[in-house]
């Protein structure tokens, strides 16, 4: 697992643990399980999480419809375009959440969409525009920019 993926996995786990700080439903967390980057066992379900900084078609080989899946990806136009282009395929996964993140954003750090639910309530003619509007709440970040910021963090922590 490269530095960026490892950073996103650790960041995502911290995010999910913080989100669970009141309910305390997380039983245990497993990292790096083959095609799955993180498995979180809750009291009543198991969630599988995949880190895909840049979304591509390989993601469809890594998710299954009968389980709860989350994808952590970078908040950028290319990933939004991928989601829009593959919308019909993504809405087939009933328990899939896609988390668009920018851990270094000065405002919100992520926004989340469940395509199957969003399909029921959104205006299809303005899907891309709507997703771009949600993305504006979180700063845009590319892979190279994230990689540079992760390198800086490592250098700073080595001092």
N, C-alpha and C. Protein backbone atom coordinates (compact mmCIF):
# COMPACT_ATOMS: atom_id res chain seq x y z
N UNK A 1 0.86 -1.17 0.00
CA UNK A 1 0.00 0.00 0.00
C UNK A 1 0.91 1.23 0.00
N UNK A 2 0.70 2.13 -0.94
CA UNK A 2 1.57 3.31 -1.00
C UNK A 2 1.22 4.32 0.08
N UNK A 3 2.05 5.36 0.19
CA UNK A 3 1.87 6.36 1.24
C UNK A 3 0.51 7.04 1.20
N UNK A 4 0.04 7.39 -0.01
CA UNK A 4 -1.25 8.08 -0.13
C UNK A 4 -2.38 7.16 0.33
N UNK A 5 -2.39 5.92 -0.16
CA UNK A 5 -3.45 4.99 0.25
C UNK A 5 -3.42 4.75 1.76
N UNK A 6 -2.22 4.54 2.28
CA UNK A 6 -2.07 4.31 3.72
C UNK A 6 -2.57 5.52 4.52
N UNK A 7 -2.22 6.71 4.07
CA UNK A 7 -2.69 7.93 4.73
C UNK A 7 -4.21 8.01 4.71
N UNK A 8 -4.82 7.74 3.53
CA UNK A 8 -6.28 7.83 3.42
C UNK A 8 -6.96 6.76 4.29
N UNK A 9 -6.40 5.55 4.33
CA UNK A 9 -6.98 4.50 5.18
C UNK A 9 -6.96 4.96 6.63
N UNK A 10 -5.81 5.43 7.10
CA UNK A 10 -5.71 5.88 8.50
C UNK A 10 -6.64 7.07 8.77
N UNK A 11 -6.69 8.01 7.85
CA UNK A 11 -7.56 9.18 8.01
C UNK A 11 -9.03 8.74 8.06
N UNK A 12 -9.39 7.81 7.18
CA UNK A 12 -10.77 7.31 7.11
C UNK A 12 -11.17 6.59 8.39
N UNK A 13 -10.26 5.80 8.91
CA UNK A 13 -10.55 5.09 10.17
C UNK A 13 -10.77 6.10 11.30
N UNK A 14 -9.90 7.11 11.39
CA UNK A 14 -10.09 8.14 12.42
C UNK A 14 -11.44 8.84 12.25
N UNK A 15 -11.79 9.15 11.00
CA UNK A 15 -13.08 9.79 10.73
C UNK A 15 -14.23 8.91 11.22
N UNK A 16 -14.19 7.63 10.86
CA UNK A 16 -15.28 6.72 11.24
C UNK A 16 -15.32 6.48 12.75
N UNK A 17 -14.16 6.42 13.38
CA UNK A 17 -14.13 6.28 14.84
C UNK A 17 -14.71 7.52 15.51
N UNK A 18 -14.34 8.70 15.02
CA UNK A 18 -14.90 9.93 15.58
C UNK A 18 -16.41 9.99 15.39
N UNK A 19 -16.87 9.56 14.23
CA UNK A 19 -18.30 9.54 13.94
C UNK A 19 -19.04 8.60 14.90
N UNK A 20 -18.35 7.57 15.35
CA UNK A 20 -18.93 6.56 16.23
C UNK A 20 -18.70 6.87 17.72
N UNK A 21 -18.13 8.01 18.03
CA UNK A 21 -17.73 8.29 19.42
C UNK A 21 -18.90 8.35 20.40
N UNK A 22 -20.08 8.64 19.94
CA UNK A 22 -21.24 8.69 20.84
C UNK A 22 -21.96 7.34 20.90
N UNK A 23 -22.26 6.78 19.73
CA UNK A 23 -23.00 5.51 19.70
C UNK A 23 -22.16 4.33 20.19
N UNK A 24 -20.87 4.36 19.93
CA UNK A 24 -19.94 3.29 20.32
C UNK A 24 -20.40 1.92 19.80
N UNK A 25 -20.64 1.86 18.49
CA UNK A 25 -21.09 0.62 17.87
C UNK A 25 -19.97 -0.17 17.19
N UNK A 26 -18.79 0.42 17.06
CA UNK A 26 -17.67 -0.29 16.44
C UNK A 26 -17.14 -1.34 17.41
N UNK A 27 -17.07 -2.58 16.92
CA UNK A 27 -16.55 -3.68 17.73
C UNK A 27 -15.06 -3.85 17.48
N UNK A 28 -14.67 -3.91 16.20
CA UNK A 28 -13.25 -3.95 15.87
C UNK A 28 -13.01 -3.51 14.43
N UNK A 29 -11.74 -3.22 14.13
CA UNK A 29 -11.34 -2.71 12.82
C UNK A 29 -10.18 -3.55 12.32
N UNK A 30 -10.28 -3.97 11.06
CA UNK A 30 -9.19 -4.72 10.42
C UNK A 30 -8.73 -3.94 9.20
N UNK A 31 -7.41 -3.84 9.03
CA UNK A 31 -6.86 -3.11 7.89
C UNK A 31 -6.21 -4.07 6.89
N UNK A 32 -6.19 -3.62 5.62
CA UNK A 32 -5.45 -4.29 4.55
C UNK A 32 -5.83 -5.76 4.40
N UNK A 33 -7.04 -6.00 3.95
CA UNK A 33 -7.54 -7.35 3.75
C UNK A 33 -7.72 -7.63 2.26
N UNK A 34 -6.63 -7.69 1.53
CA UNK A 34 -6.69 -7.96 0.09
C UNK A 34 -7.27 -6.80 -0.68
N UNK A 35 -8.38 -7.04 -1.37
CA UNK A 35 -9.02 -5.98 -2.16
C UNK A 35 -9.76 -4.98 -1.29
N UNK A 36 -9.89 -5.29 -0.01
CA UNK A 36 -10.58 -4.42 0.95
C UNK A 36 -9.52 -3.73 1.81
N UNK A 37 -9.58 -2.41 1.89
CA UNK A 37 -8.57 -1.67 2.65
C UNK A 37 -8.86 -1.64 4.14
N UNK A 38 -10.13 -1.77 4.50
CA UNK A 38 -10.51 -1.68 5.91
C UNK A 38 -11.88 -2.35 6.09
N UNK A 39 -11.97 -3.16 7.13
CA UNK A 39 -13.25 -3.78 7.50
C UNK A 39 -13.59 -3.29 8.90
N UNK A 40 -14.78 -2.74 9.04
CA UNK A 40 -15.23 -2.30 10.37
C UNK A 40 -16.42 -3.17 10.77
N UNK A 41 -16.22 -3.87 11.87
CA UNK A 41 -17.29 -4.69 12.44
C UNK A 41 -18.04 -3.85 13.45
N UNK A 42 -19.30 -3.60 13.15
CA UNK A 42 -20.19 -2.90 14.06
C UNK A 42 -20.99 -3.95 14.84
N UNK A 43 -21.71 -3.54 15.84
CA UNK A 43 -22.52 -4.46 16.64
C UNK A 43 -23.56 -5.18 15.78
N UNK A 44 -24.09 -4.50 14.75
CA UNK A 44 -25.18 -5.07 13.97
C UNK A 44 -24.87 -5.31 12.49
N UNK A 45 -23.66 -4.98 12.04
CA UNK A 45 -23.33 -5.17 10.62
C UNK A 45 -21.82 -5.08 10.43
N UNK A 46 -21.40 -5.41 9.22
CA UNK A 46 -19.99 -5.29 8.83
C UNK A 46 -19.94 -4.36 7.64
N UNK A 47 -19.05 -3.37 7.69
CA UNK A 47 -18.85 -2.45 6.57
C UNK A 47 -17.47 -2.68 5.98
N UNK A 48 -17.42 -2.72 4.66
CA UNK A 48 -16.16 -2.89 3.93
C UNK A 48 -15.81 -1.56 3.29
N UNK A 49 -14.57 -1.13 3.47
CA UNK A 49 -14.15 0.17 2.94
C UNK A 49 -12.98 -0.01 1.97
N UNK A 50 -13.09 0.72 0.88
CA UNK A 50 -12.08 0.70 -0.17
C UNK A 50 -11.57 2.12 -0.35
N UNK A 51 -10.26 2.23 -0.48
CA UNK A 51 -9.64 3.52 -0.80
C UNK A 51 -9.31 3.50 -2.28
N UNK A 52 -9.85 4.47 -2.99
CA UNK A 52 -9.59 4.61 -4.42
C UNK A 52 -9.41 6.10 -4.70
N UNK A 53 -8.19 6.63 -4.51
CA UNK A 53 -7.99 8.07 -4.70
C UNK A 53 -8.52 8.56 -6.04
N UNK A 54 -8.32 7.76 -7.08
CA UNK A 54 -8.85 8.06 -8.41
C UNK A 54 -9.76 6.90 -8.79
N UNK A 55 -11.03 7.19 -9.01
CA UNK A 55 -11.98 6.14 -9.36
C UNK A 55 -11.74 5.62 -10.77
N UNK A 56 -11.80 4.29 -10.90
CA UNK A 56 -11.72 3.67 -12.22
C UNK A 56 -12.57 2.40 -12.21
N UNK A 57 -12.63 1.71 -13.34
CA UNK A 57 -13.53 0.57 -13.48
C UNK A 57 -13.17 -0.60 -12.58
N UNK A 58 -11.94 -0.66 -12.09
CA UNK A 58 -11.53 -1.72 -11.18
C UNK A 58 -12.39 -1.74 -9.91
N UNK A 59 -12.94 -0.61 -9.57
CA UNK A 59 -13.74 -0.51 -8.35
C UNK A 59 -14.92 -1.49 -8.38
N UNK A 60 -15.45 -1.75 -9.56
CA UNK A 60 -16.60 -2.65 -9.67
C UNK A 60 -16.23 -4.10 -9.38
N UNK A 61 -14.94 -4.45 -9.50
CA UNK A 61 -14.48 -5.79 -9.15
C UNK A 61 -14.28 -5.94 -7.64
N UNK A 62 -14.30 -4.83 -6.93
CA UNK A 62 -13.99 -4.85 -5.50
C UNK A 62 -15.22 -4.72 -4.61
N UNK A 63 -16.38 -4.40 -5.18
CA UNK A 63 -17.58 -4.23 -4.36
C UNK A 63 -18.63 -5.28 -4.72
N UNK A 64 -19.42 -5.64 -3.73
CA UNK A 64 -20.49 -6.61 -3.93
C UNK A 64 -21.80 -5.97 -3.47
N UNK A 65 -22.89 -6.40 -4.05
CA UNK A 65 -24.18 -5.79 -3.76
C UNK A 65 -24.78 -6.24 -2.43
N UNK A 66 -24.38 -7.40 -1.94
CA UNK A 66 -25.03 -7.93 -0.75
C UNK A 66 -24.43 -7.44 0.57
N UNK A 67 -23.45 -6.56 0.50
CA UNK A 67 -22.79 -6.07 1.72
C UNK A 67 -22.78 -4.54 1.75
N UNK A 68 -22.45 -4.02 2.93
CA UNK A 68 -22.30 -2.56 3.09
C UNK A 68 -20.89 -2.18 2.66
N UNK A 69 -20.80 -1.28 1.69
CA UNK A 69 -19.50 -0.83 1.19
C UNK A 69 -19.40 0.68 1.25
N UNK A 70 -18.19 1.13 1.50
CA UNK A 70 -17.88 2.54 1.43
C UNK A 70 -16.62 2.72 0.61
N UNK A 71 -16.61 3.72 -0.22
CA UNK A 71 -15.43 4.06 -1.01
C UNK A 71 -14.98 5.44 -0.58
N UNK A 72 -13.71 5.56 -0.23
CA UNK A 72 -13.11 6.86 0.06
C UNK A 72 -12.29 7.26 -1.15
N UNK A 73 -12.66 8.38 -1.76
CA UNK A 73 -11.99 8.87 -2.96
C UNK A 73 -11.75 10.37 -2.81
N UNK A 74 -10.87 10.89 -3.65
CA UNK A 74 -10.55 12.31 -3.57
C UNK A 74 -11.68 13.15 -4.15
N UNK A 75 -11.87 14.30 -3.56
CA UNK A 75 -12.89 15.23 -4.02
C UNK A 75 -12.33 16.04 -5.19
N UNK A 76 -12.60 15.55 -6.41
CA UNK A 76 -12.16 16.29 -7.60
C UNK A 76 -13.10 16.01 -8.77
N UNK A 77 -12.94 16.82 -9.80
CA UNK A 77 -13.85 16.75 -10.96
C UNK A 77 -13.78 15.42 -11.69
N UNK A 78 -12.59 14.82 -11.78
CA UNK A 78 -12.45 13.54 -12.48
C UNK A 78 -13.27 12.46 -11.78
N UNK A 79 -13.24 12.42 -10.46
CA UNK A 79 -14.02 11.42 -9.73
C UNK A 79 -15.52 11.68 -9.83
N UNK A 80 -15.91 12.94 -9.83
CA UNK A 80 -17.33 13.27 -10.02
C UNK A 80 -17.78 12.84 -11.41
N UNK A 81 -16.96 13.10 -12.42
CA UNK A 81 -17.31 12.68 -13.79
C UNK A 81 -17.43 11.16 -13.88
N UNK A 82 -16.53 10.45 -13.19
CA UNK A 82 -16.61 8.99 -13.19
C UNK A 82 -17.94 8.53 -12.61
N UNK A 83 -18.33 9.13 -11.49
CA UNK A 83 -19.61 8.76 -10.86
C UNK A 83 -20.77 9.04 -11.80
N UNK A 84 -20.78 10.20 -12.41
CA UNK A 84 -21.87 10.55 -13.34
C UNK A 84 -21.89 9.59 -14.53
N UNK A 85 -20.72 9.30 -15.09
CA UNK A 85 -20.63 8.41 -16.26
C UNK A 85 -21.05 6.99 -15.93
N UNK A 86 -20.87 6.58 -14.69
CA UNK A 86 -21.18 5.20 -14.29
C UNK A 86 -22.37 5.12 -13.34
N UNK A 87 -23.20 6.14 -13.37
CA UNK A 87 -24.32 6.25 -12.45
C UNK A 87 -25.22 5.02 -12.48
N UNK A 88 -25.59 4.55 -13.68
CA UNK A 88 -26.51 3.41 -13.79
C UNK A 88 -25.94 2.16 -13.12
N UNK A 89 -24.64 1.97 -13.21
CA UNK A 89 -23.99 0.83 -12.56
C UNK A 89 -23.92 1.04 -11.04
N UNK A 90 -23.60 2.25 -10.61
CA UNK A 90 -23.45 2.53 -9.18
C UNK A 90 -24.77 2.42 -8.41
N UNK A 91 -25.88 2.77 -9.05
CA UNK A 91 -27.17 2.71 -8.33
C UNK A 91 -27.62 1.27 -8.08
N UNK A 92 -26.97 0.30 -8.72
CA UNK A 92 -27.29 -1.10 -8.48
C UNK A 92 -26.84 -1.56 -7.09
N UNK A 93 -25.87 -0.87 -6.52
CA UNK A 93 -25.32 -1.24 -5.22
C UNK A 93 -26.10 -0.50 -4.13
N UNK A 94 -27.04 -1.20 -3.52
CA UNK A 94 -27.99 -0.56 -2.60
C UNK A 94 -27.35 -0.02 -1.33
N UNK A 95 -26.27 -0.63 -0.88
CA UNK A 95 -25.64 -0.20 0.38
C UNK A 95 -24.24 0.35 0.15
N UNK A 96 -24.09 1.13 -0.89
CA UNK A 96 -22.80 1.74 -1.23
C UNK A 96 -22.83 3.23 -0.91
N UNK A 97 -21.85 3.66 -0.14
CA UNK A 97 -21.64 5.09 0.11
C UNK A 97 -20.30 5.49 -0.50
N UNK A 98 -20.29 6.59 -1.20
CA UNK A 98 -19.05 7.12 -1.75
C UNK A 98 -18.73 8.39 -0.98
N UNK A 99 -17.55 8.39 -0.36
CA UNK A 99 -17.09 9.53 0.44
C UNK A 99 -16.04 10.29 -0.37
N UNK A 100 -16.35 11.50 -0.75
CA UNK A 100 -15.41 12.36 -1.46
C UNK A 100 -14.67 13.18 -0.41
N UNK A 101 -13.35 13.03 -0.34
CA UNK A 101 -12.62 13.63 0.77
C UNK A 101 -11.52 14.60 0.33
N UNK A 102 -11.23 15.51 1.23
CA UNK A 102 -10.03 16.34 1.17
C UNK A 102 -9.62 16.57 2.62
N UNK A 103 -8.72 15.71 3.14
CA UNK A 103 -8.32 15.82 4.54
C UNK A 103 -7.68 17.16 4.90
N UNK A 104 -7.22 17.90 3.90
CA UNK A 104 -6.53 19.16 4.14
C UNK A 104 -7.40 20.39 3.87
N UNK A 105 -8.67 20.18 3.62
CA UNK A 105 -9.58 21.29 3.35
C UNK A 105 -9.70 22.18 4.59
N UNK A 106 -9.79 23.47 4.35
CA UNK A 106 -9.96 24.40 5.47
C UNK A 106 -11.42 24.49 5.92
N UNK A 107 -12.32 23.91 5.12
CA UNK A 107 -13.74 23.88 5.52
C UNK A 107 -14.12 22.42 5.79
N UNK A 108 -15.20 21.94 5.22
CA UNK A 108 -15.60 20.55 5.41
C UNK A 108 -14.54 19.63 4.81
N UNK A 109 -14.40 18.44 5.40
CA UNK A 109 -13.38 17.49 4.96
C UNK A 109 -13.92 16.43 4.00
N UNK A 110 -15.24 16.23 3.98
CA UNK A 110 -15.79 15.24 3.07
C UNK A 110 -17.28 15.46 2.86
N UNK A 111 -17.76 14.86 1.79
CA UNK A 111 -19.20 14.77 1.56
C UNK A 111 -19.46 13.36 1.06
N UNK A 112 -20.66 12.88 1.30
CA UNK A 112 -20.98 11.48 1.04
C UNK A 112 -22.26 11.39 0.22
N UNK A 113 -22.26 10.40 -0.65
CA UNK A 113 -23.47 10.13 -1.44
C UNK A 113 -23.70 8.63 -1.49
N UNK A 114 -24.96 8.24 -1.38
CA UNK A 114 -25.38 6.88 -1.62
C UNK A 114 -26.13 6.92 -2.95
N UNK A 115 -25.51 6.44 -4.04
CA UNK A 115 -26.15 6.57 -5.36
C UNK A 115 -27.55 5.97 -5.44
N UNK A 116 -27.78 4.83 -4.80
CA UNK A 116 -29.10 4.18 -4.88
C UNK A 116 -30.18 5.06 -4.26
N UNK A 117 -29.87 5.69 -3.14
CA UNK A 117 -30.85 6.58 -2.50
C UNK A 117 -30.96 7.89 -3.27
N UNK A 118 -29.82 8.43 -3.68
CA UNK A 118 -29.82 9.70 -4.40
C UNK A 118 -30.63 9.59 -5.70
N UNK A 119 -30.57 8.43 -6.32
CA UNK A 119 -31.31 8.20 -7.56
C UNK A 119 -32.81 8.40 -7.36
N UNK A 120 -33.31 8.06 -6.18
CA UNK A 120 -34.75 8.17 -5.90
C UNK A 120 -35.20 9.60 -5.68
N UNK A 121 -34.28 10.48 -5.32
CA UNK A 121 -34.69 11.84 -4.95
C UNK A 121 -34.13 12.93 -5.84
N UNK A 122 -33.17 12.60 -6.71
CA UNK A 122 -32.52 13.66 -7.48
C UNK A 122 -33.19 13.90 -8.83
N UNK A 123 -32.94 15.05 -9.37
CA UNK A 123 -33.36 15.40 -10.72
C UNK A 123 -32.25 14.91 -11.65
N UNK A 124 -32.54 13.87 -12.41
CA UNK A 124 -31.52 13.24 -13.26
C UNK A 124 -30.88 14.21 -14.24
N UNK A 125 -31.63 15.20 -14.68
CA UNK A 125 -31.09 16.13 -15.69
C UNK A 125 -30.01 17.04 -15.11
N UNK A 126 -29.96 17.15 -13.79
CA UNK A 126 -28.95 18.03 -13.19
C UNK A 126 -28.06 17.26 -12.21
N UNK A 127 -27.87 15.97 -12.45
CA UNK A 127 -27.06 15.14 -11.56
C UNK A 127 -25.65 15.70 -11.40
N UNK A 128 -24.97 15.92 -12.51
CA UNK A 128 -23.58 16.39 -12.42
C UNK A 128 -23.50 17.75 -11.74
N UNK A 129 -24.39 18.64 -12.09
CA UNK A 129 -24.41 19.96 -11.47
C UNK A 129 -24.65 19.86 -9.96
N UNK A 130 -25.55 18.98 -9.56
CA UNK A 130 -25.83 18.78 -8.14
C UNK A 130 -24.64 18.22 -7.38
N UNK A 131 -23.96 17.24 -7.99
CA UNK A 131 -22.78 16.67 -7.34
C UNK A 131 -21.66 17.71 -7.23
N UNK A 132 -21.49 18.50 -8.28
CA UNK A 132 -20.47 19.56 -8.23
C UNK A 132 -20.79 20.59 -7.14
N UNK A 133 -22.07 20.87 -6.94
CA UNK A 133 -22.46 21.81 -5.89
C UNK A 133 -22.12 21.24 -4.51
N UNK A 134 -22.36 19.95 -4.32
CA UNK A 134 -21.99 19.33 -3.04
C UNK A 134 -20.48 19.33 -2.86
N UNK A 135 -19.75 19.12 -3.95
CA UNK A 135 -18.28 19.08 -3.89
C UNK A 135 -17.69 20.43 -3.49
N UNK A 136 -18.40 21.50 -3.79
CA UNK A 136 -17.89 22.84 -3.45
C UNK A 136 -17.78 23.06 -1.95
N UNK A 137 -18.50 22.27 -1.15
CA UNK A 137 -18.41 22.40 0.31
C UNK A 137 -17.05 21.94 0.82
N UNK A 138 -16.39 21.10 0.03
CA UNK A 138 -15.08 20.54 0.37
C UNK A 138 -14.12 20.99 -0.72
N UNK A 139 -12.94 21.39 -0.36
CA UNK A 139 -11.98 21.83 -1.37
C UNK A 139 -11.59 20.71 -2.32
N UNK A 140 -11.36 21.07 -3.56
CA UNK A 140 -10.92 20.13 -4.59
C UNK A 140 -9.46 19.75 -4.30
N UNK A 141 -9.13 18.46 -4.50
CA UNK A 141 -7.75 18.02 -4.32
C UNK A 141 -7.45 16.90 -5.32
N UNK A 142 -6.28 16.99 -5.93
CA UNK A 142 -5.83 15.96 -6.86
C UNK A 142 -4.85 15.02 -6.19
N UNK A 143 -4.51 13.95 -6.87
CA UNK A 143 -3.61 12.94 -6.33
C UNK A 143 -2.22 13.51 -6.08
N UNK A 144 -1.71 14.28 -7.02
CA UNK A 144 -0.36 14.85 -6.86
C UNK A 144 -0.31 15.81 -5.67
N UNK A 145 -1.33 16.64 -5.54
CA UNK A 145 -1.37 17.57 -4.40
C UNK A 145 -1.43 16.82 -3.08
N UNK A 146 -2.27 15.79 -3.00
CA UNK A 146 -2.35 15.00 -1.77
C UNK A 146 -1.02 14.32 -1.48
N UNK A 147 -0.41 13.76 -2.51
CA UNK A 147 0.88 13.09 -2.34
C UNK A 147 1.92 14.06 -1.78
N UNK A 148 1.96 15.28 -2.30
CA UNK A 148 2.91 16.29 -1.81
C UNK A 148 2.63 16.64 -0.35
N UNK A 149 1.38 16.77 0.01
CA UNK A 149 1.02 17.12 1.40
C UNK A 149 1.36 15.97 2.35
N UNK A 150 1.16 14.73 1.90
CA UNK A 150 1.50 13.57 2.73
C UNK A 150 3.01 13.50 2.94
N UNK A 151 3.78 13.76 1.87
CA UNK A 151 5.24 13.78 1.99
C UNK A 151 5.69 14.84 2.99
N UNK A 152 5.10 16.03 2.91
CA UNK A 152 5.44 17.09 3.86
C UNK A 152 5.14 16.68 5.30
N UNK A 153 4.00 16.04 5.51
CA UNK A 153 3.65 15.58 6.85
C UNK A 153 4.68 14.59 7.38
N UNK A 154 5.11 13.66 6.51
CA UNK A 154 6.11 12.67 6.92
C UNK A 154 7.43 13.34 7.27
N UNK A 155 7.82 14.32 6.45
CA UNK A 155 9.07 15.04 6.71
C UNK A 155 8.99 15.81 8.02
N UNK A 156 7.85 16.45 8.27
CA UNK A 156 7.67 17.22 9.50
C UNK A 156 7.69 16.31 10.73
N UNK A 157 7.09 15.13 10.60
CA UNK A 157 7.05 14.22 11.75
C UNK A 157 8.41 13.58 12.02
N UNK A 158 9.29 13.56 11.01
CA UNK A 158 10.64 13.01 11.18
C UNK A 158 11.57 13.98 11.89
N UNK A 159 11.20 15.25 11.95
CA UNK A 159 12.06 16.26 12.59
C UNK A 159 12.09 16.14 14.08
